C-alpha atoms as a PDB file:
ATOM      1  CA  MET A   1     110.742 113.790  79.981  1.00  0.00           C
ATOM      2  CA  PHE A   2     106.315 113.034  79.910  1.00  0.00           C
ATOM      3  CA  TYR A   3     104.700 110.794  81.259  1.00  0.00           C
ATOM      4  CA  PRO A   4     101.205 109.732  80.309  1.00  0.00           C
ATOM      5  CA  THR A   5      99.122 109.671  83.782  1.00  0.00           C
ATOM      6  CA  PHE A   6      95.240 109.711  84.895  1.00  0.00           C
ATOM      7  CA  TYR A   7      93.636 112.076  87.359  1.00  0.00           C
ATOM      8  CA  CYS A   8      91.786 110.840  89.588  1.00  0.00           C
ATOM      9  CA  ASN A   9      88.680 112.970  90.248  1.00  0.00           C
ATOM     10  CA  VAL A  10      87.468 111.038  93.456  1.00  0.00           C
ATOM     11  CA  THR A  11      90.948 110.575  95.521  1.00  0.00           C
ATOM     12  CA  LYS A  12      92.400 114.269  93.740  1.00  0.00           C
ATOM     13  CA  ILE A  13      95.699 112.274  92.567  1.00  0.00           C
ATOM     14  CA  ARG A  14      97.378 112.197  89.042  1.00  0.00           C
ATOM     15  CA  HIS A  15      98.765 108.287  88.955  1.00  0.00           C
ATOM     16  CA  VAL A  16     101.446 107.318  85.990  1.00  0.00           C
ATOM     17  CA  VAL A  17      98.945 104.716  83.315  1.00  0.00           C
ATOM     18  CA  LYS A  18     101.249 101.342  83.645  1.00  0.00           C
ATOM     19  CA  ASP A  19      99.145  99.993  80.675  1.00  0.00           C
ATOM     20  CA  ARG A  20      95.865  99.345  79.753  1.00  0.00           C
ATOM     21  CA  TYR A  21      94.302  98.072  83.870  1.00  0.00           C
ATOM     22  CA  CYS A  22      96.287  99.641  86.189  1.00  0.00           C
ATOM     23  CA  TYR A  23      98.881 101.830  87.261  1.00  0.00           C
ATOM     24  CA  GLU A  24     102.381 102.160  88.196  1.00  0.00           C
ATOM     25  CA  CYS A  25     101.967 102.103  91.391  1.00  0.00           C
ATOM     26  CA  GLY A  26      99.398  98.844  91.085  1.00  0.00           C
ATOM     27  CA  GLN A  27      96.278 100.409  92.140  1.00  0.00           C
ATOM     28  CA  ARG A  28      94.179  99.049  89.353  1.00  0.00           C
ATOM     29  CA  PHE A  29      91.503 100.995  86.684  1.00  0.00           C
ATOM     30  CA  ASN A  30      90.621  99.858  84.229  1.00  0.00           C
ATOM     31  CA  LEU A  31      88.089  96.347  85.475  1.00  0.00           C
ATOM     32  CA  ASN A  32      86.379  96.417  82.011  1.00  0.00           C
ATOM     33  CA  TYR A  33      87.850  94.441  78.834  1.00  0.00           C
ATOM     34  CA  ASP A  34      86.933  97.120  75.666  1.00  0.00           C
ATOM     35  CA  LEU A  35      89.050 100.304  76.468  1.00  0.00           C
ATOM     36  CA  LYS A  36      86.907 102.911  74.430  1.00  0.00           C
ATOM     37  CA  LYS A  37      88.000 105.711  73.217  1.00  0.00           C
ATOM     38  CA  LYS A  38      87.151 108.835  76.266  1.00  0.00           C
ATOM     39  CA  ASP A  39      89.089 105.882  78.079  1.00  0.00           C
ATOM     40  CA  LEU A  40      91.922 107.097  76.249  1.00  0.00           C
ATOM     41  CA  LYS A  41      90.667 110.731  76.426  1.00  0.00           C
ATOM     42  CA  ASN A  42      90.940 111.001  79.718  1.00  0.00           C
ATOM     43  CA  ILE A  43      94.756 109.943  79.985  1.00  0.00           C
ATOM     44  CA  THR A  44      97.200 113.644  79.589  1.00  0.00           C
ATOM     45  CA  PHE A  45     101.250 113.609  79.153  1.00  0.00           C
ATOM     46  CA  LYS A  46     101.851 115.727  82.220  1.00  0.00           C
ATOM     47  CA  GLN A  47     105.585 115.168  83.704  1.00  0.00           C
ATOM     48  CA  LEU A  48     107.068 114.113  86.290  1.00  0.00           C
ATOM     49  CA  GLU A  49     106.486 117.500  89.058  1.00  0.00           C
ATOM     50  CA  GLU A  50     103.095 117.424  88.463  1.00  0.00           C
ATOM     51  CA  ILE A  51     102.513 113.588  89.391  1.00  0.00           C
ATOM     52  CA  THR A  52     100.579 113.692  92.748  1.00  0.00           C
ATOM     53  CA  CYS A  53     101.139 110.187  93.765  1.00  0.00           C
ATOM     54  CA  THR A  54     104.417 108.766  95.823  1.00  0.00           C
ATOM     55  CA  LYS A  55     104.126 105.305  95.064  1.00  0.00           C
ATOM     56  CA  CYS A  56     103.907 106.511  91.059  1.00  0.00           C
ATOM     57  CA  LYS A  57     106.780 108.991  91.315  1.00  0.00           C
ATOM     58  CA  SER A  58     108.979 106.292  93.998  1.00  0.00           C
ATOM     59  CA  VAL A  59     108.837 103.716  91.307  1.00  0.00           C
ATOM     60  CA  LEU A  60     109.328 106.402  88.217  1.00  0.00           C
ATOM     61  CA  ILE A  61     112.397 107.719  90.117  1.00  0.00           C
ATOM     62  CA  ASN A  62     113.684 104.206  90.698  1.00  0.00           C
ATOM     63  CA  THR A  63     113.745 103.448  86.983  1.00  0.00           C
ATOM     64  CA  ILE A  64     115.540 106.490  85.837  1.00  0.00           C
ATOM     65  CA  GLN A  65     117.771 105.395  88.601  1.00  0.00           C
ATOM     66  CA  LYS A  66     118.679 102.197  87.220  1.00  0.00           C
ATOM     67  CA  HIS A  67     118.897 103.338  83.689  1.00  0.00           C
END
C-alpha cells in the first residue's frame, strides 16, 4: 500500500502526511494556512518500507493491525 509522504531535507527523514498541517507522528510541517501548489508537489507516495520516521511507521502499523 502507498502512503503520502514528505521528505525533510533538514533532518533527512521521510514522514507520513496526516493532514495539511502535520505528520502522523504529530510533528507540524505546514505552519502557513495557505497551502500552495509547490507544497503539494513535495508530497510523494511511498510504501511502508521507505518511510524512515519510526513514530510515523509505528502509527501506521498500529492502524493496520486494528483493521
